[in-house]
PDB file of N, CA and C in Angstrom:
ATOM      1  N   UNK A   1      10.045  -0.248  -3.793  1.00  0.00           N
ATOM      2  CA  UNK A   1      10.844   0.897  -3.385  1.00  0.00           C
ATOM      3  C   UNK A   1      10.137   2.142  -3.892  1.00  0.00           C
ATOM      4  N   UNK A   2       9.604   2.943  -2.997  1.00  0.00           N
ATOM      5  CA  UNK A   2       8.775   4.087  -3.356  1.00  0.00           C
ATOM      6  C   UNK A   2       9.471   5.368  -2.892  1.00  0.00           C
ATOM      7  N   UNK A   3       9.627   6.353  -3.778  1.00  0.00           N
ATOM      8  CA  UNK A   3      10.349   7.567  -3.407  1.00  0.00           C
ATOM      9  C   UNK A   3       9.547   8.460  -2.451  1.00  0.00           C
ATOM     10  N   UNK A   4      10.277   9.232  -1.673  1.00  0.00           N
ATOM     11  CA  UNK A   4       9.666  10.216  -0.783  1.00  0.00           C
ATOM     12  C   UNK A   4       8.776  11.150  -1.590  1.00  0.00           C
ATOM     13  N   UNK A   5       7.602  11.457  -1.060  1.00  0.00           N
ATOM     14  CA  UNK A   5       6.678  12.377  -1.712  1.00  0.00           C
ATOM     15  C   UNK A   5       5.719  11.731  -2.691  1.00  0.00           C
ATOM     16  N   UNK A   6       5.887  10.438  -2.961  1.00  0.00           N
ATOM     17  CA  UNK A   6       4.990   9.753  -3.900  1.00  0.00           C
ATOM     18  C   UNK A   6       3.568   9.703  -3.345  1.00  0.00           C
ATOM     19  N   UNK A   7       2.606   9.627  -4.258  1.00  0.00           N
ATOM     20  CA  UNK A   7       1.197   9.531  -3.883  1.00  0.00           C
ATOM     21  C   UNK A   7       0.508   8.555  -4.822  1.00  0.00           C
ATOM     22  N   UNK A   8      -0.186   7.592  -4.259  1.00  0.00           N
ATOM     23  CA  UNK A   8      -1.022   6.673  -5.034  1.00  0.00           C
ATOM     24  C   UNK A   8      -2.455   7.166  -4.847  1.00  0.00           C
ATOM     25  N   UNK A   9      -3.093   7.676  -5.907  1.00  0.00           N
ATOM     26  CA  UNK A   9      -4.435   8.256  -5.770  1.00  0.00           C
ATOM     27  C   UNK A   9      -5.486   7.216  -5.391  1.00  0.00           C
ATOM     28  N   UNK A  10      -6.644   7.684  -4.924  1.00  0.00           N
ATOM     29  CA  UNK A  10      -7.707   6.761  -4.515  1.00  0.00           C
ATOM     30  C   UNK A  10      -8.067   5.778  -5.635  1.00  0.00           C
ATOM     31  N   UNK A  11      -8.213   4.517  -5.245  1.00  0.00           N
ATOM     32  CA  UNK A  11      -8.589   3.461  -6.176  1.00  0.00           C
ATOM     33  C   UNK A  11      -9.112   2.277  -5.381  1.00  0.00           C
ATOM     34  N   UNK A  12      -9.538   1.247  -6.056  1.00  0.00           N
ATOM     35  CA  UNK A  12     -10.006   0.029  -5.383  1.00  0.00           C
ATOM     36  C   UNK A  12      -9.727  -1.176  -6.266  1.00  0.00           C
ATOM     37  N   UNK A  13      -9.625  -2.324  -5.630  1.00  0.00           N
ATOM     38  CA  UNK A  13      -9.381  -3.598  -6.310  1.00  0.00           C
ATOM     39  C   UNK A  13      -9.633  -4.704  -5.304  1.00  0.00           C
ATOM     40  N   UNK A  14      -9.199  -5.921  -5.592  1.00  0.00           N
ATOM     41  CA  UNK A  14      -9.364  -7.037  -4.669  1.00  0.00           C
ATOM     42  C   UNK A  14      -8.529  -6.850  -3.409  1.00  0.00           C
ATOM     43  N   UNK A  15      -8.648  -7.788  -2.519  1.00  0.00           N
ATOM     44  CA  UNK A  15      -7.966  -7.749  -1.225  1.00  0.00           C
ATOM     45  C   UNK A  15      -6.449  -7.594  -1.370  1.00  0.00           C
ATOM     46  N   UNK A  16      -5.850  -6.882  -0.423  1.00  0.00           N
ATOM     47  CA  UNK A  16      -4.401  -6.620  -0.444  1.00  0.00           C
ATOM     48  C   UNK A  16      -3.856  -6.681   0.982  1.00  0.00           C
ATOM     49  N   UNK A  17      -2.647  -7.224   1.099  1.00  0.00           N
ATOM     50  CA  UNK A  17      -1.920  -7.256   2.368  1.00  0.00           C
ATOM     51  C   UNK A  17      -0.533  -6.685   2.131  1.00  0.00           C
ATOM     52  N   UNK A  18       0.051  -6.060   3.146  1.00  0.00           N
ATOM     53  CA  UNK A  18       1.391  -5.505   2.966  1.00  0.00           C
ATOM     54  C   UNK A  18       2.160  -5.430   4.269  1.00  0.00           C
ATOM     55  N   UNK A  19       3.474  -5.270   4.118  1.00  0.00           N
ATOM     56  CA  UNK A  19       4.384  -5.130   5.254  1.00  0.00           C
ATOM     57  C   UNK A  19       5.424  -4.069   4.900  1.00  0.00           C
ATOM     58  N   UNK A  20       5.667  -3.145   5.826  1.00  0.00           N
ATOM     59  CA  UNK A  20       6.655  -2.090   5.608  1.00  0.00           C
ATOM     60  C   UNK A  20       8.027  -2.618   6.013  1.00  0.00           C
ATOM     61  N   UNK A  21       8.958  -2.610   5.074  1.00  0.00           N
ATOM     62  CA  UNK A  21      10.327  -3.047   5.349  1.00  0.00           C
ATOM     63  C   UNK A  21      11.189  -1.904   5.859  1.00  0.00           C
ATOM     64  N   UNK A  22      10.913  -0.695   5.353  1.00  0.00           N
ATOM     65  CA  UNK A  22      11.695   0.474   5.745  1.00  0.00           C
ATOM     66  C   UNK A  22      10.913   1.724   5.369  1.00  0.00           C
ATOM     67  N   UNK A  23      11.064   2.791   6.134  1.00  0.00           N
ATOM     68  CA  UNK A  23      10.402   4.044   5.836  1.00  0.00           C
ATOM     69  C   UNK A  23       9.034   4.151   6.464  1.00  0.00           C
ATOM     70  N   UNK A  24       8.194   4.964   5.821  1.00  0.00           N
ATOM     71  CA  UNK A  24       6.892   5.292   6.389  1.00  0.00           C
ATOM     72  C   UNK A  24       5.886   5.547   5.279  1.00  0.00           C
ATOM     73  N   UNK A  25       4.647   5.100   5.501  1.00  0.00           N
ATOM     74  CA  UNK A  25       3.577   5.397   4.561  1.00  0.00           C
ATOM     75  C   UNK A  25       2.322   5.764   5.316  1.00  0.00           C
ATOM     76  N   UNK A  26       1.545   6.644   4.724  1.00  0.00           N
ATOM     77  CA  UNK A  26       0.248   7.029   5.266  1.00  0.00           C
ATOM     78  C   UNK A  26      -0.807   6.410   4.366  1.00  0.00           C
ATOM     79  N   UNK A  27      -1.546   5.457   4.910  1.00  0.00           N
ATOM     80  CA  UNK A  27      -2.527   4.707   4.141  1.00  0.00           C
ATOM     81  C   UNK A  27      -3.924   5.104   4.591  1.00  0.00           C
ATOM     82  N   UNK A  28      -4.744   5.520   3.632  1.00  0.00           N
ATOM     83  CA  UNK A  28      -6.136   5.862   3.915  1.00  0.00           C
ATOM     84  C   UNK A  28      -7.011   4.787   3.312  1.00  0.00           C
ATOM     85  N   UNK A  29      -7.792   4.130   4.154  1.00  0.00           N
ATOM     86  CA  UNK A  29      -8.695   3.058   3.720  1.00  0.00           C
ATOM     87  C   UNK A  29     -10.088   3.404   4.235  1.00  0.00           C
ATOM     88  N   UNK A  30     -11.036   3.522   3.317  1.00  0.00           N
ATOM     89  CA  UNK A  30     -12.403   3.832   3.724  1.00  0.00           C
ATOM     90  C   UNK A  30     -12.513   5.137   4.495  1.00  0.00           C
ATOM     91  N   UNK A  31     -11.681   6.125   4.156  1.00  0.00           N
ATOM     92  CA  UNK A  31     -11.736   7.426   4.798  1.00  0.00           C
ATOM     93  C   UNK A  31     -10.952   7.558   6.091  1.00  0.00           C
ATOM     94  N   UNK A  32     -10.344   6.475   6.564  1.00  0.00           N
ATOM     95  CA  UNK A  32      -9.553   6.516   7.801  1.00  0.00           C
ATOM     96  C   UNK A  32      -8.068   6.399   7.457  1.00  0.00           C
ATOM     97  N   UNK A  33      -7.263   7.343   7.964  1.00  0.00           N
ATOM     98  CA  UNK A  33      -5.833   7.373   7.672  1.00  0.00           C
ATOM     99  C   UNK A  33      -5.044   6.863   8.865  1.00  0.00           C
ATOM    100  N   UNK A  34      -4.043   6.039   8.560  1.00  0.00           N
ATOM    101  CA  UNK A  34      -3.151   5.506   9.585  1.00  0.00           C
ATOM    102  C   UNK A  34      -1.730   5.510   9.026  1.00  0.00           C
ATOM    103  N   UNK A  35      -0.753   5.777   9.888  1.00  0.00           N
ATOM    104  CA  UNK A  35       0.650   5.770   9.497  1.00  0.00           C
ATOM    105  C   UNK A  35       1.264   4.419   9.841  1.00  0.00           C
ATOM    106  N   UNK A  36       1.994   3.857   8.878  1.00  0.00           N
ATOM    107  CA  UNK A  36       2.670   2.573   9.050  1.00  0.00           C
ATOM    108  C   UNK A  36       4.170   2.787   8.905  1.00  0.00           C
ATOM    109  N   UNK A  37       4.926   2.113   9.786  1.00  0.00           N
ATOM    110  CA  UNK A  37       6.385   2.229   9.795  1.00  0.00           C
ATOM    111  C   UNK A  37       7.014   0.836   9.752  1.00  0.00           C
ATOM    112  N   UNK A  38       8.331   0.811   9.672  1.00  0.00           N
ATOM    113  CA  UNK A  38       9.092  -0.441   9.594  1.00  0.00           C
ATOM    114  C   UNK A  38       8.543  -1.487  10.568  1.00  0.00           C
ATOM    115  N   UNK A  39       8.231  -2.657  10.013  1.00  0.00           N
ATOM    116  CA  UNK A  39       7.719  -3.762  10.816  1.00  0.00           C
ATOM    117  C   UNK A  39       6.207  -3.833  10.898  1.00  0.00           C
ATOM    118  N   UNK A  40       5.502  -2.774  10.511  1.00  0.00           N
ATOM    119  CA  UNK A  40       4.043  -2.775  10.539  1.00  0.00           C
ATOM    120  C   UNK A  40       3.483  -3.496   9.321  1.00  0.00           C
ATOM    121  N   UNK A  41       2.327  -4.107   9.499  1.00  0.00           N
ATOM    122  CA  UNK A  41       1.634  -4.740   8.378  1.00  0.00           C
ATOM    123  C   UNK A  41       0.240  -4.140   8.266  1.00  0.00           C
ATOM    124  N   UNK A  42      -0.351  -4.283   7.080  1.00  0.00           N
ATOM    125  CA  UNK A  42      -1.670  -3.710   6.846  1.00  0.00           C
ATOM    126  C   UNK A  42      -2.494  -4.634   5.969  1.00  0.00           C
ATOM    127  N   UNK A  43      -3.794  -4.397   6.000  1.00  0.00           N
ATOM    128  CA  UNK A  43      -4.751  -5.176   5.211  1.00  0.00           C
ATOM    129  C   UNK A  43      -5.738  -4.202   4.594  1.00  0.00           C
ATOM    130  N   UNK A  44      -6.038  -4.396   3.314  1.00  0.00           N
ATOM    131  CA  UNK A  44      -7.035  -3.598   2.617  1.00  0.00           C
ATOM    132  C   UNK A  44      -8.101  -4.572   2.107  1.00  0.00           C
ATOM    133  N   UNK A  45      -9.332  -4.462   2.621  1.00  0.00           N
ATOM    134  CA  UNK A  45     -10.384  -5.378   2.183  1.00  0.00           C
ATOM    135  C   UNK A  45     -10.728  -5.204   0.705  1.00  0.00           C
ATOM    136  N   UNK A  46     -11.224  -6.254   0.097  1.00  0.00           N
ATOM    137  CA  UNK A  46     -11.649  -6.202  -1.304  1.00  0.00           C
ATOM    138  C   UNK A  46     -12.673  -5.093  -1.501  1.00  0.00           C
ATOM    139  N   UNK A  47     -12.460  -4.280  -2.541  1.00  0.00           N
ATOM    140  CA  UNK A  47     -13.398  -3.229  -2.889  1.00  0.00           C
ATOM    141  C   UNK A  47     -13.280  -1.943  -2.093  1.00  0.00           C
ATOM    142  N   UNK A  48     -12.419  -1.902  -1.079  1.00  0.00           N
ATOM    143  CA  UNK A  48     -12.272  -0.691  -0.259  1.00  0.00           C
ATOM    144  C   UNK A  48     -11.513   0.386  -1.041  1.00  0.00           C
ATOM    145  N   UNK A  49     -12.057   1.587  -1.065  1.00  0.00           N
ATOM    146  CA  UNK A  49     -11.355   2.705  -1.693  1.00  0.00           C
ATOM    147  C   UNK A  49     -10.199   3.092  -0.774  1.00  0.00           C
ATOM    148  N   UNK A  50      -9.002   3.201  -1.363  1.00  0.00           N
ATOM    149  CA  UNK A  50      -7.819   3.504  -0.558  1.00  0.00           C
ATOM    150  C   UNK A  50      -6.819   4.321  -1.362  1.00  0.00           C
ATOM    151  N   UNK A  51      -5.927   5.009  -0.644  1.00  0.00           N
ATOM    152  CA  UNK A  51      -4.843   5.771  -1.258  1.00  0.00           C
ATOM    153  C   UNK A  51      -3.665   5.775  -0.304  1.00  0.00           C
ATOM    154  N   UNK A  52      -2.486   6.095  -0.824  1.00  0.00           N
ATOM    155  CA  UNK A  52      -1.281   6.091   0.008  1.00  0.00           C
ATOM    156  C   UNK A  52      -0.416   7.306  -0.303  1.00  0.00           C
ATOM    157  N   UNK A  53       0.198   7.840   0.750  1.00  0.00           N
ATOM    158  CA  UNK A  53       1.179   8.921   0.635  1.00  0.00           C
ATOM    159  C   UNK A  53       2.448   8.462   1.335  1.00  0.00           C
ATOM    160  N   UNK A  54       3.588   8.923   0.824  1.00  0.00           N
ATOM    161  CA  UNK A  54       4.875   8.464   1.325  1.00  0.00           C
ATOM    162  C   UNK A  54       5.712   9.664   1.764  1.00  0.00           C
ATOM    163  N   UNK A  55       5.662  10.018   3.076  1.00  0.00           N
ATOM    164  CA  UNK A  55       6.428  11.158   3.570  1.00  0.00           C
ATOM    165  C   UNK A  55       7.934  10.902   3.579  1.00  0.00           C
ATOM    166  N   UNK A  56       8.325   9.639   3.509  1.00  0.00           N
ATOM    167  CA  UNK A  56       9.735   9.256   3.413  1.00  0.00           C
ATOM    168  C   UNK A  56       9.869   8.204   2.318  1.00  0.00           C
ATOM    169  N   UNK A  57      11.090   7.940   1.894  1.00  0.00           N
ATOM    170  CA  UNK A  57      11.309   6.802   0.998  1.00  0.00           C
ATOM    171  C   UNK A  57      10.819   5.566   1.743  1.00  0.00           C
ATOM    172  N   UNK A  58      10.198   4.665   1.025  1.00  0.00           N
ATOM    173  CA  UNK A  58       9.560   3.528   1.684  1.00  0.00           C
ATOM    174  C   UNK A  58       9.760   2.255   0.859  1.00  0.00           C
ATOM    175  N   UNK A  59      10.018   1.158   1.555  1.00  0.00           N
ATOM    176  CA  UNK A  59      10.089  -0.153   0.905  1.00  0.00           C
ATOM    177  C   UNK A  59       9.021  -1.029   1.539  1.00  0.00           C
ATOM    178  N   UNK A  60       8.175  -1.615   0.703  1.00  0.00           N
ATOM    179  CA  UNK A  60       7.098  -2.477   1.177  1.00  0.00           C
ATOM    180  C   UNK A  60       7.054  -3.760   0.356  1.00  0.00           C
ATOM    181  N   UNK A  61       6.443  -4.763   0.936  1.00  0.00           N
ATOM    182  CA  UNK A  61       6.084  -5.977   0.199  1.00  0.00           C
ATOM    183  C   UNK A  61       4.564  -6.025   0.213  1.00  0.00           C
ATOM    184  N   UNK A  62       3.962  -6.076  -0.971  1.00  0.00           N
ATOM    185  CA  UNK A  62       2.509  -6.155  -1.091  1.00  0.00           C
ATOM    186  C   UNK A  62       2.109  -7.480  -1.711  1.00  0.00           C
ATOM    187  N   UNK A  63       1.022  -8.040  -1.217  1.00  0.00           N
ATOM    188  CA  UNK A  63       0.431  -9.260  -1.763  1.00  0.00           C
ATOM    189  C   UNK A  63      -0.999  -8.936  -2.159  1.00  0.00           C
ATOM    190  N   UNK A  64      -1.388  -9.388  -3.340  1.00  0.00           N
ATOM    191  CA  UNK A  64      -2.712  -9.096  -3.872  1.00  0.00           C
ATOM    192  C   UNK A  64      -3.488 -10.390  -4.123  1.00  0.00           C
ATOM    193  N   UNK A  65      -4.771 -10.371  -3.788  1.00  0.00           N
ATOM    194  CA  UNK A  65      -5.627 -11.526  -4.046  1.00  0.00           C
ATOM    195  C   UNK A  65      -5.894 -11.683  -5.542  1.00  0.00           C
ATOM    196  N   UNK A  66      -5.909 -10.572  -6.281  1.00  0.00           N
ATOM    197  CA  UNK A  66      -6.157 -10.622  -7.719  1.00  0.00           C
ATOM    198  C   UNK A  66      -4.965 -11.264  -8.425  1.00  0.00           C
ATOM    199  N   UNK A  67      -5.175 -12.412  -9.026  1.00  0.00           N
ATOM    200  CA  UNK A  67      -4.067 -13.123  -9.683  1.00  0.00           C
ATOM    201  C   UNK A  67      -3.514 -12.370 -10.888  1.00  0.00           C
ATOM    202  N   UNK A  68      -4.316 -11.509 -11.485  1.00  0.00           N
ATOM    203  CA  UNK A  68      -3.865 -10.773 -12.668  1.00  0.00           C
ATOM    204  C   UNK A  68      -3.594  -9.292 -12.366  1.00  0.00           C
ATOM    205  N   UNK A  69      -3.336  -8.955 -11.113  1.00  0.00           N
ATOM    206  CA  UNK A  69      -3.113  -7.551 -10.718  1.00  0.00           C
ATOM    207  C   UNK A  69      -1.901  -6.959 -11.454  1.00  0.00           C
ATOM    208  N   UNK A  70      -0.817  -7.712 -11.519  1.00  0.00           N
ATOM    209  CA  UNK A  70       0.387  -7.272 -12.214  1.00  0.00           C
ATOM    210  C   UNK A  70       0.896  -8.409 -13.081  1.00  0.00           C
ATOM    211  N   UNK A  71       1.543  -8.064 -14.174  1.00  0.00           N
ATOM    212  CA  UNK A  71       2.157  -9.073 -15.030  1.00  0.00           C
ATOM    213  C   UNK A  71       3.515  -9.469 -14.452  1.00  0.00           C
ATOM    214  N   UNK A  72       3.882 -10.723 -14.633  1.00  0.00           N
ATOM    215  CA  UNK A  72       5.195 -11.199 -14.182  1.00  0.00           C
ATOM    216  C   UNK A  72       6.287 -10.530 -14.995  1.00  0.00           C
ATOM    217  N   UNK A  73       7.372 -10.174 -14.314  1.00  0.00           N
ATOM    218  CA  UNK A  73       8.513  -9.574 -15.004  1.00  0.00           C
ATOM    219  C   UNK A  73       9.406 -10.669 -15.555  1.00  0.00           C
ATOM    220  N   UNK A  74      10.070 -10.362 -16.680  1.00  0.00           N
ATOM    221  CA  UNK A  74      11.011 -11.328 -17.238  1.00  0.00           C
ATOM    222  C   UNK A  74      10.419 -12.057 -18.338  1.00  0.00           C
TER     223      UNK A  74
END
């Protein structure tokens, strides 16, 4: 759940896949920007520099190839 106006600055890591559940995000991958909306899915190749902007509140599900990308909660 990402608030309207949020920005994830340019970074890179292993492969990533995602699906927009609600709202809108502007994803820039390798210098190309595309807008994703509810029902859209995206792929970020391993090592690709990318960033995201959220013109609206947005809910996404992201999957990462890196097994240690985030620590388990709980």
